[in-house]
Amino acid sequence: MTPFPFGIFIIGTLFIFYFTYPGFWMFMIINAAFDLFQAFVMSPIFEKLDIYTLKEMNHFLLFVLMMVIAVLLFLYQKWQDTAFKLSIK
């Protein structure tokens, strides 16, 4: 699973986040489409090319994991915005 933290997952999620930030639902919809594509289209291709193998999880759990990480990124940014606004005052 090493390609994910440094690969298209984090880059794509941050790119989507940059353009949709204040809107939670827009971020989640676009990110869900991106994660579905990665989990159910790209992941099997990577497995056939022997780039990696999913051993302990299936493609659906991979999708769920990516969505949970996306929600955590969004919540972390909201928390940072609040902390930054408080530090400015």
PDB file of N, CA and C in Angstrom:
ATOM      1  N   MET A   1       0.807  -1.200   0.000  1.00  0.00           N
ATOM      2  CA  MET A   1       0.000   0.000   0.000  1.00  0.00           C
ATOM      3  C   MET A   1       0.854   1.270   0.000  1.00  0.00           C
ATOM      4  N   THR A   2       2.140   1.156  -0.124  1.00  0.00           N
ATOM      5  CA  THR A   2       3.007   2.329  -0.094  1.00  0.00           C
ATOM      6  C   THR A   2       2.731   3.320  -1.221  1.00  0.00           C
ATOM      7  N   PRO A   3       2.323   2.914  -2.419  1.00  0.00           N
ATOM      8  CA  PRO A   3       2.097   3.912  -3.456  1.00  0.00           C
ATOM      9  C   PRO A   3       0.987   4.910  -3.122  1.00  0.00           C
ATOM     10  N   PHE A   4       0.055   4.546  -2.251  1.00  0.00           N
ATOM     11  CA  PHE A   4      -1.073   5.429  -1.987  1.00  0.00           C
ATOM     12  C   PHE A   4      -0.706   6.711  -1.256  1.00  0.00           C
ATOM     13  N   PRO A   5       0.061   6.663  -0.184  1.00  0.00           N
ATOM     14  CA  PRO A   5       0.337   7.926   0.499  1.00  0.00           C
ATOM     15  C   PRO A   5       1.135   8.913  -0.345  1.00  0.00           C
ATOM     16  N   PHE A   6       1.934   8.419  -1.254  1.00  0.00           N
ATOM     17  CA  PHE A   6       2.781   9.298  -2.056  1.00  0.00           C
ATOM     18  C   PHE A   6       2.317   9.392  -3.501  1.00  0.00           C
ATOM     19  N   GLY A   7       1.245   8.743  -3.837  1.00  0.00           N
ATOM     20  CA  GLY A   7       0.802   8.674  -5.217  1.00  0.00           C
ATOM     21  C   GLY A   7      -0.377   9.576  -5.527  1.00  0.00           C
ATOM     22  N   ILE A   8      -1.177   9.105  -6.454  1.00  0.00           N
ATOM     23  CA  ILE A   8      -2.274   9.895  -6.989  1.00  0.00           C
ATOM     24  C   ILE A   8      -3.362  10.136  -5.948  1.00  0.00           C
ATOM     25  N   PHE A   9      -3.489   9.262  -4.951  1.00  0.00           N
ATOM     26  CA  PHE A   9      -4.548   9.445  -3.951  1.00  0.00           C
ATOM     27  C   PHE A   9      -4.400  10.761  -3.213  1.00  0.00           C
ATOM     28  N   ILE A  10      -3.262  10.995  -2.625  1.00  0.00           N
ATOM     29  CA  ILE A  10      -3.099  12.224  -1.832  1.00  0.00           C
ATOM     30  C   ILE A  10      -3.054  13.455  -2.724  1.00  0.00           C
ATOM     31  N   ILE A  11      -2.431  13.333  -3.880  1.00  0.00           N
ATOM     32  CA  ILE A  11      -2.374  14.465  -4.807  1.00  0.00           C
ATOM     33  C   ILE A  11      -3.771  14.809  -5.300  1.00  0.00           C
ATOM     34  N   GLY A  12      -4.528  13.793  -5.700  1.00  0.00           N
ATOM     35  CA  GLY A  12      -5.895  14.028  -6.179  1.00  0.00           C
ATOM     36  C   GLY A  12      -6.795  14.592  -5.103  1.00  0.00           C
ATOM     37  N   THR A  13      -6.702  14.048  -3.898  1.00  0.00           N
ATOM     38  CA  THR A  13      -7.540  14.531  -2.802  1.00  0.00           C
ATOM     39  C   THR A  13      -7.219  15.983  -2.462  1.00  0.00           C
ATOM     40  N   LEU A  14      -5.953  16.318  -2.396  1.00  0.00           N
ATOM     41  CA  LEU A  14      -5.576  17.704  -2.091  1.00  0.00           C
ATOM     42  C   LEU A  14      -5.958  18.658  -3.227  1.00  0.00           C
ATOM     43  N   PHE A  15      -5.851  18.203  -4.456  1.00  0.00           N
ATOM     44  CA  PHE A  15      -6.249  19.017  -5.608  1.00  0.00           C
ATOM     45  C   PHE A  15      -7.753  19.298  -5.563  1.00  0.00           C
ATOM     46  N   ILE A  16      -8.543  18.267  -5.314  1.00  0.00           N
ATOM     47  CA  ILE A  16      -9.992  18.434  -5.194  1.00  0.00           C
ATOM     48  C   ILE A  16     -10.310  19.336  -4.007  1.00  0.00           C
ATOM     49  N   PHE A  17      -9.612  19.126  -2.902  1.00  0.00           N
ATOM     50  CA  PHE A  17      -9.821  19.923  -1.707  1.00  0.00           C
ATOM     51  C   PHE A  17      -9.543  21.399  -1.973  1.00  0.00           C
ATOM     52  N   TYR A  18      -8.488  21.692  -2.709  1.00  0.00           N
ATOM     53  CA  TYR A  18      -8.112  23.070  -2.992  1.00  0.00           C
ATOM     54  C   TYR A  18      -9.225  23.815  -3.732  1.00  0.00           C
ATOM     55  N   PHE A  19      -9.863  23.146  -4.686  1.00  0.00           N
ATOM     56  CA  PHE A  19     -10.867  23.813  -5.507  1.00  0.00           C
ATOM     57  C   PHE A  19     -12.280  23.767  -4.932  1.00  0.00           C
ATOM     58  N   THR A  20     -12.530  22.948  -3.933  1.00  0.00           N
ATOM     59  CA  THR A  20     -13.891  22.826  -3.400  1.00  0.00           C
ATOM     60  C   THR A  20     -13.971  23.132  -1.920  1.00  0.00           C
ATOM     61  N   TYR A  21     -12.948  23.716  -1.313  1.00  0.00           N
ATOM     62  CA  TYR A  21     -12.830  23.694   0.149  1.00  0.00           C
ATOM     63  C   TYR A  21     -14.049  24.125   0.954  1.00  0.00           C
ATOM     64  N   PRO A  22     -14.573  25.293   0.862  1.00  0.00           N
ATOM     65  CA  PRO A  22     -15.596  25.537   1.878  1.00  0.00           C
ATOM     66  C   PRO A  22     -16.815  24.633   1.733  1.00  0.00           C
ATOM     67  N   GLY A  23     -17.042  24.067   0.566  1.00  0.00           N
ATOM     68  CA  GLY A  23     -18.224  23.228   0.348  1.00  0.00           C
ATOM     69  C   GLY A  23     -17.960  21.765   0.644  1.00  0.00           C
ATOM     70  N   PHE A  24     -18.487  21.287   1.776  1.00  0.00           N
ATOM     71  CA  PHE A  24     -18.259  19.900   2.188  1.00  0.00           C
ATOM     72  C   PHE A  24     -18.862  18.912   1.201  1.00  0.00           C
ATOM     73  N   TRP A  25     -20.115  19.133   0.811  1.00  0.00           N
ATOM     74  CA  TRP A  25     -20.785  18.148  -0.051  1.00  0.00           C
ATOM     75  C   TRP A  25     -20.178  18.103  -1.449  1.00  0.00           C
ATOM     76  N   MET A  26     -19.777  19.242  -1.985  1.00  0.00           N
ATOM     77  CA  MET A  26     -19.118  19.243  -3.293  1.00  0.00           C
ATOM     78  C   MET A  26     -17.799  18.484  -3.207  1.00  0.00           C
ATOM     79  N   PHE A  27     -17.055  18.710  -2.147  1.00  0.00           N
ATOM     80  CA  PHE A  27     -15.798  17.991  -1.937  1.00  0.00           C
ATOM     81  C   PHE A  27     -16.047  16.490  -1.856  1.00  0.00           C
ATOM     82  N   MET A  28     -17.049  16.083  -1.080  1.00  0.00           N
ATOM     83  CA  MET A  28     -17.311  14.660  -0.898  1.00  0.00           C
ATOM     84  C   MET A  28     -17.785  13.993  -2.186  1.00  0.00           C
ATOM     85  N   ILE A  29     -18.611  14.658  -2.969  1.00  0.00           N
ATOM     86  CA  ILE A  29     -19.119  14.065  -4.212  1.00  0.00           C
ATOM     87  C   ILE A  29     -17.991  13.885  -5.220  1.00  0.00           C
ATOM     88  N   ILE A  30     -17.217  14.926  -5.434  1.00  0.00           N
ATOM     89  CA  ILE A  30     -16.117  14.826  -6.403  1.00  0.00           C
ATOM     90  C   ILE A  30     -15.062  13.847  -5.911  1.00  0.00           C
ATOM     91  N   ASN A  31     -14.759  13.880  -4.627  1.00  0.00           N
ATOM     92  CA  ASN A  31     -13.769  12.969  -4.069  1.00  0.00           C
ATOM     93  C   ASN A  31     -14.260  11.518  -4.133  1.00  0.00           C
ATOM     94  N   ALA A  32     -15.553  11.297  -3.902  1.00  0.00           N
ATOM     95  CA  ALA A  32     -16.103   9.941  -3.994  1.00  0.00           C
ATOM     96  C   ALA A  32     -15.968   9.395  -5.414  1.00  0.00           C
ATOM     97  N   ALA A  33     -16.234  10.230  -6.410  1.00  0.00           N
ATOM     98  CA  ALA A  33     -16.070   9.791  -7.797  1.00  0.00           C
ATOM     99  C   ALA A  33     -14.609   9.441  -8.077  1.00  0.00           C
ATOM    100  N   PHE A  34     -13.700  10.275  -7.619  1.00  0.00           N
ATOM    101  CA  PHE A  34     -12.271  10.028  -7.800  1.00  0.00           C
ATOM    102  C   PHE A  34     -11.836   8.747  -7.087  1.00  0.00           C
ATOM    103  N   ASP A  35     -12.305   8.563  -5.854  1.00  0.00           N
ATOM    104  CA  ASP A  35     -11.928   7.375  -5.078  1.00  0.00           C
ATOM    105  C   ASP A  35     -12.544   6.102  -5.648  1.00  0.00           C
ATOM    106  N   LEU A  36     -13.776   6.194  -6.144  1.00  0.00           N
ATOM    107  CA  LEU A  36     -14.387   5.032  -6.802  1.00  0.00           C
ATOM    108  C   LEU A  36     -13.565   4.604  -8.010  1.00  0.00           C
ATOM    109  N   PHE A  37     -13.158   5.577  -8.811  1.00  0.00           N
ATOM    110  CA  PHE A  37     -12.339   5.274  -9.981  1.00  0.00           C
ATOM    111  C   PHE A  37     -11.025   4.621  -9.564  1.00  0.00           C
ATOM    112  N   GLN A  38     -10.413   5.160  -8.540  1.00  0.00           N
ATOM    113  CA  GLN A  38      -9.131   4.607  -8.118  1.00  0.00           C
ATOM    114  C   GLN A  38      -9.281   3.220  -7.506  1.00  0.00           C
ATOM    115  N   ALA A  39     -10.311   3.018  -6.688  1.00  0.00           N
ATOM    116  CA  ALA A  39     -10.465   1.736  -5.992  1.00  0.00           C
ATOM    117  C   ALA A  39     -10.928   0.615  -6.918  1.00  0.00           C
ATOM    118  N   PHE A  40     -11.811   0.924  -7.864  1.00  0.00           N
ATOM    119  CA  PHE A  40     -12.414  -0.141  -8.668  1.00  0.00           C
ATOM    120  C   PHE A  40     -11.907  -0.219 -10.102  1.00  0.00           C
ATOM    121  N   VAL A  41     -11.169   0.789 -10.554  1.00  0.00           N
ATOM    122  CA  VAL A  41     -10.613   0.747 -11.916  1.00  0.00           C
ATOM    123  C   VAL A  41      -9.090   0.675 -11.870  1.00  0.00           C
ATOM    124  N   MET A  42      -8.475   1.640 -11.193  1.00  0.00           N
ATOM    125  CA  MET A  42      -7.016   1.696 -11.192  1.00  0.00           C
ATOM    126  C   MET A  42      -6.378   0.615 -10.316  1.00  0.00           C
ATOM    127  N   SER A  43      -6.974   0.325  -9.179  1.00  0.00           N
ATOM    128  CA  SER A  43      -6.386  -0.674  -8.285  1.00  0.00           C
ATOM    129  C   SER A  43      -6.291  -2.056  -8.932  1.00  0.00           C
ATOM    130  N   PRO A  44      -7.348  -2.546  -9.617  1.00  0.00           N
ATOM    131  CA  PRO A  44      -7.184  -3.833 -10.301  1.00  0.00           C
ATOM    132  C   PRO A  44      -6.120  -3.800 -11.404  1.00  0.00           C
ATOM    133  N   ILE A  45      -5.998  -2.668 -12.079  1.00  0.00           N
ATOM    134  CA  ILE A  45      -4.960  -2.551 -13.111  1.00  0.00           C
ATOM    135  C   ILE A  45      -3.580  -2.626 -12.464  1.00  0.00           C
ATOM    136  N   PHE A  46      -3.401  -1.921 -11.336  1.00  0.00           N
ATOM    137  CA  PHE A  46      -2.121  -1.963 -10.634  1.00  0.00           C
ATOM    138  C   PHE A  46      -1.811  -3.365 -10.126  1.00  0.00           C
ATOM    139  N   GLU A  47      -2.838  -4.084  -9.703  1.00  0.00           N
ATOM    140  CA  GLU A  47      -2.619  -5.456  -9.240  1.00  0.00           C
ATOM    141  C   GLU A  47      -2.212  -6.373 -10.393  1.00  0.00           C
ATOM    142  N   LYS A  48      -2.821  -6.195 -11.552  1.00  0.00           N
ATOM    143  CA  LYS A  48      -2.452  -7.019 -12.713  1.00  0.00           C
ATOM    144  C   LYS A  48      -1.039  -6.710 -13.202  1.00  0.00           C
ATOM    145  N   LEU A  49      -0.613  -5.473 -13.011  1.00  0.00           N
ATOM    146  CA  LEU A  49       0.748  -5.089 -13.400  1.00  0.00           C
ATOM    147  C   LEU A  49       1.767  -5.419 -12.317  1.00  0.00           C
ATOM    148  N   ASP A  50       1.347  -6.042 -11.229  1.00  0.00           N
ATOM    149  CA  ASP A  50       2.197  -6.409 -10.094  1.00  0.00           C
ATOM    150  C   ASP A  50       2.871  -5.205  -9.440  1.00  0.00           C
ATOM    151  N   ILE A  51       2.168  -4.082  -9.426  1.00  0.00           N
ATOM    152  CA  ILE A  51       2.682  -2.916  -8.716  1.00  0.00           C
ATOM    153  C   ILE A  51       2.449  -3.096  -7.225  1.00  0.00           C
ATOM    154  N   TYR A  52       1.290  -3.603  -6.857  1.00  0.00           N
ATOM    155  CA  TYR A  52       0.989  -3.960  -5.473  1.00  0.00           C
ATOM    156  C   TYR A  52      -0.119  -4.994  -5.456  1.00  0.00           C
ATOM    157  N   THR A  53      -0.372  -5.543  -4.281  1.00  0.00           N
ATOM    158  CA  THR A  53      -1.426  -6.534  -4.089  1.00  0.00           C
ATOM    159  C   THR A  53      -2.197  -6.189  -2.828  1.00  0.00           C
ATOM    160  N   LEU A  54      -3.507  -6.205  -2.925  1.00  0.00           N
ATOM    161  CA  LEU A  54      -4.339  -6.012  -1.740  1.00  0.00           C
ATOM    162  C   LEU A  54      -4.487  -7.361  -1.057  1.00  0.00           C
ATOM    163  N   LYS A  55      -3.934  -7.494   0.134  1.00  0.00           N
ATOM    164  CA  LYS A  55      -3.972  -8.782   0.828  1.00  0.00           C
ATOM    165  C   LYS A  55      -5.039  -8.823   1.902  1.00  0.00           C
ATOM    166  N   GLU A  56      -5.110  -7.810   2.728  1.00  0.00           N
ATOM    167  CA  GLU A  56      -5.997  -7.823   3.889  1.00  0.00           C
ATOM    168  C   GLU A  56      -7.300  -7.066   3.670  1.00  0.00           C
ATOM    169  N   MET A  57      -7.468  -6.432   2.533  1.00  0.00           N
ATOM    170  CA  MET A  57      -8.704  -5.695   2.277  1.00  0.00           C
ATOM    171  C   MET A  57      -9.112  -5.846   0.824  1.00  0.00           C
ATOM    172  N   ASN A  58     -10.393  -5.678   0.591  1.00  0.00           N
ATOM    173  CA  ASN A  58     -10.890  -5.732  -0.783  1.00  0.00           C
ATOM    174  C   ASN A  58     -11.014  -4.302  -1.323  1.00  0.00           C
ATOM    175  N   HIS A  59     -11.515  -4.178  -2.538  1.00  0.00           N
ATOM    176  CA  HIS A  59     -11.591  -2.865  -3.179  1.00  0.00           C
ATOM    177  C   HIS A  59     -12.606  -1.956  -2.499  1.00  0.00           C
ATOM    178  N   PHE A  60     -13.687  -2.531  -1.995  1.00  0.00           N
ATOM    179  CA  PHE A  60     -14.676  -1.713  -1.299  1.00  0.00           C
ATOM    180  C   PHE A  60     -14.085  -1.114  -0.022  1.00  0.00           C
ATOM    181  N   LEU A  61     -13.356  -1.908   0.746  1.00  0.00           N
ATOM    182  CA  LEU A  61     -12.733  -1.383   1.960  1.00  0.00           C
ATOM    183  C   LEU A  61     -11.672  -0.336   1.635  1.00  0.00           C
ATOM    184  N   LEU A  62     -10.998  -0.496   0.527  1.00  0.00           N
ATOM    185  CA  LEU A  62     -10.045   0.517   0.080  1.00  0.00           C
ATOM    186  C   LEU A  62     -10.773   1.835  -0.185  1.00  0.00           C
ATOM    187  N   PHE A  63     -11.916   1.753  -0.852  1.00  0.00           N
ATOM    188  CA  PHE A  63     -12.725   2.947  -1.105  1.00  0.00           C
ATOM    189  C   PHE A  63     -13.171   3.592   0.207  1.00  0.00           C
ATOM    190  N   VAL A  64     -13.653   2.794   1.146  1.00  0.00           N
ATOM    191  CA  VAL A  64     -14.096   3.316   2.438  1.00  0.00           C
ATOM    192  C   VAL A  64     -12.934   3.990   3.168  1.00  0.00           C
ATOM    193  N   LEU A  65     -11.772   3.373   3.150  1.00  0.00           N
ATOM    194  CA  LEU A  65     -10.595   3.958   3.789  1.00  0.00           C
ATOM    195  C   LEU A  65     -10.249   5.307   3.172  1.00  0.00           C
ATOM    196  N   MET A  66     -10.288   5.409   1.858  1.00  0.00           N
ATOM    197  CA  MET A  66      -9.975   6.674   1.203  1.00  0.00           C
ATOM    198  C   MET A  66     -10.999   7.743   1.558  1.00  0.00           C
ATOM    199  N   MET A  67     -12.273   7.368   1.671  1.00  0.00           N
ATOM    200  CA  MET A  67     -13.297   8.335   2.037  1.00  0.00           C
ATOM    201  C   MET A  67     -13.136   8.796   3.482  1.00  0.00           C
ATOM    202  N   VAL A  68     -12.782   7.887   4.367  1.00  0.00           N
ATOM    203  CA  VAL A  68     -12.561   8.269   5.772  1.00  0.00           C
ATOM    204  C   VAL A  68     -11.387   9.239   5.874  1.00  0.00           C
ATOM    205  N   ILE A  69     -10.335   8.969   5.143  1.00  0.00           N
ATOM    206  CA  ILE A  69      -9.180   9.874   5.148  1.00  0.00           C
ATOM    207  C   ILE A  69      -9.576  11.247   4.611  1.00  0.00           C
ATOM    208  N   ALA A  70     -10.414  11.277   3.576  1.00  0.00           N
ATOM    209  CA  ALA A  70     -10.867  12.556   3.021  1.00  0.00           C
ATOM    210  C   ALA A  70     -11.682  13.342   4.041  1.00  0.00           C
ATOM    211  N   VAL A  71     -12.564  12.668   4.777  1.00  0.00           N
ATOM    212  CA  VAL A  71     -13.355  13.349   5.813  1.00  0.00           C
ATOM    213  C   VAL A  71     -12.435  13.880   6.914  1.00  0.00           C
ATOM    214  N   LEU A  72     -11.445  13.083   7.308  1.00  0.00           N
ATOM    215  CA  LEU A  72     -10.501  13.535   8.331  1.00  0.00           C
ATOM    216  C   LEU A  72      -9.708  14.749   7.861  1.00  0.00           C
ATOM    217  N   LEU A  73      -9.305  14.769   6.593  1.00  0.00           N
ATOM    218  CA  LEU A  73      -8.603  15.942   6.057  1.00  0.00           C
ATOM    219  C   LEU A  73      -9.484  17.179   6.107  1.00  0.00           C
ATOM    220  N   PHE A  74     -10.759  17.015   5.748  1.00  0.00           N
ATOM    221  CA  PHE A  74     -11.676  18.147   5.765  1.00  0.00           C
ATOM    222  C   PHE A  74     -11.882  18.659   7.189  1.00  0.00           C
ATOM    223  N   LEU A  75     -12.104  17.745   8.137  1.00  0.00           N
ATOM    224  CA  LEU A  75     -12.306  18.144   9.527  1.00  0.00           C
ATOM    225  C   LEU A  75     -11.056  18.802  10.109  1.00  0.00           C
ATOM    226  N   TYR A  76      -9.899  18.288   9.761  1.00  0.00           N
ATOM    227  CA  TYR A  76      -8.650  18.888  10.227  1.00  0.00           C
ATOM    228  C   TYR A  76      -8.509  20.319   9.704  1.00  0.00           C
ATOM    229  N   GLN A  77      -8.848  20.537   8.447  1.00  0.00           N
ATOM    230  CA  GLN A  77      -8.746  21.883   7.882  1.00  0.00           C
ATOM    231  C   GLN A  77      -9.738  22.831   8.549  1.00  0.00           C
ATOM    232  N   LYS A  78     -10.941  22.368   8.822  1.00  0.00           N
ATOM    233  CA  LYS A  78     -11.919  23.204   9.525  1.00  0.00           C
ATOM    234  C   LYS A  78     -11.386  23.580  10.910  1.00  0.00           C
ATOM    235  N   TRP A  79     -10.800  22.611  11.595  1.00  0.00           N
ATOM    236  CA  TRP A  79     -10.231  22.871  12.912  1.00  0.00           C
ATOM    237  C   TRP A  79      -9.094  23.887  12.812  1.00  0.00           C
ATOM    238  N   GLN A  80      -8.232  23.748  11.812  1.00  0.00           N
ATOM    239  CA  GLN A  80      -7.125  24.682  11.632  1.00  0.00           C
ATOM    240  C   GLN A  80      -7.629  26.081  11.304  1.00  0.00           C
ATOM    241  N   ASP A  81      -8.680  26.184  10.510  1.00  0.00           N
ATOM    242  CA  ASP A  81      -9.259  27.499  10.210  1.00  0.00           C
ATOM    243  C   ASP A  81      -9.742  28.176  11.485  1.00  0.00           C
ATOM    244  N   THR A  82     -10.411  27.416  12.334  1.00  0.00           N
ATOM    245  CA  THR A  82     -10.904  27.964  13.594  1.00  0.00           C
ATOM    246  C   THR A  82      -9.744  28.383  14.486  1.00  0.00           C
ATOM    247  N   ALA A  83      -8.728  27.563  14.595  1.00  0.00           N
ATOM    248  CA  ALA A  83      -7.570  27.889  15.431  1.00  0.00           C
ATOM    249  C   ALA A  83      -6.833  29.107  14.884  1.00  0.00           C
ATOM    250  N   PHE A  84      -6.721  29.205  13.564  1.00  0.00           N
ATOM    251  CA  PHE A  84      -6.032  30.348  12.959  1.00  0.00           C
ATOM    252  C   PHE A  84      -6.807  31.634  13.183  1.00  0.00           C
ATOM    253  N   LYS A  85      -8.124  31.587  13.068  1.00  0.00           N
ATOM    254  CA  LYS A  85      -8.936  32.782  13.302  1.00  0.00           C
ATOM    255  C   LYS A  85      -8.846  33.235  14.756  1.00  0.00           C
ATOM    256  N   LEU A  86      -8.800  32.285  15.669  1.00  0.00           N
ATOM    257  CA  LEU A  86      -8.683  32.627  17.088  1.00  0.00           C
ATOM    258  C   LEU A  86      -7.320  33.240  17.408  1.00  0.00           C
ATOM    259  N   SER A  87      -6.274  32.778  16.741  1.00  0.00           N
ATOM    260  CA  SER A  87      -4.930  33.296  17.016  1.00  0.00           C
ATOM    261  C   SER A  87      -4.735  34.691  16.442  1.00  0.00           C
ATOM    262  N   ILE A  88      -5.494  35.045  15.422  1.00  0.00           N
ATOM    263  CA  ILE A  88      -5.384  36.381  14.824  1.00  0.00           C
ATOM    264  C   ILE A  88      -6.020  37.436  15.739  1.00  0.00           C
ATOM    265  N   LYS A  89      -7.105  37.085  16.424  1.00  0.00           N
ATOM    266  CA  LYS A  89      -7.815  38.059  17.262  1.00  0.00           C
ATOM    267  C   LYS A  89      -7.049  38.473  18.446  1.00  0.00           C
TER     268      LYS A  89
END
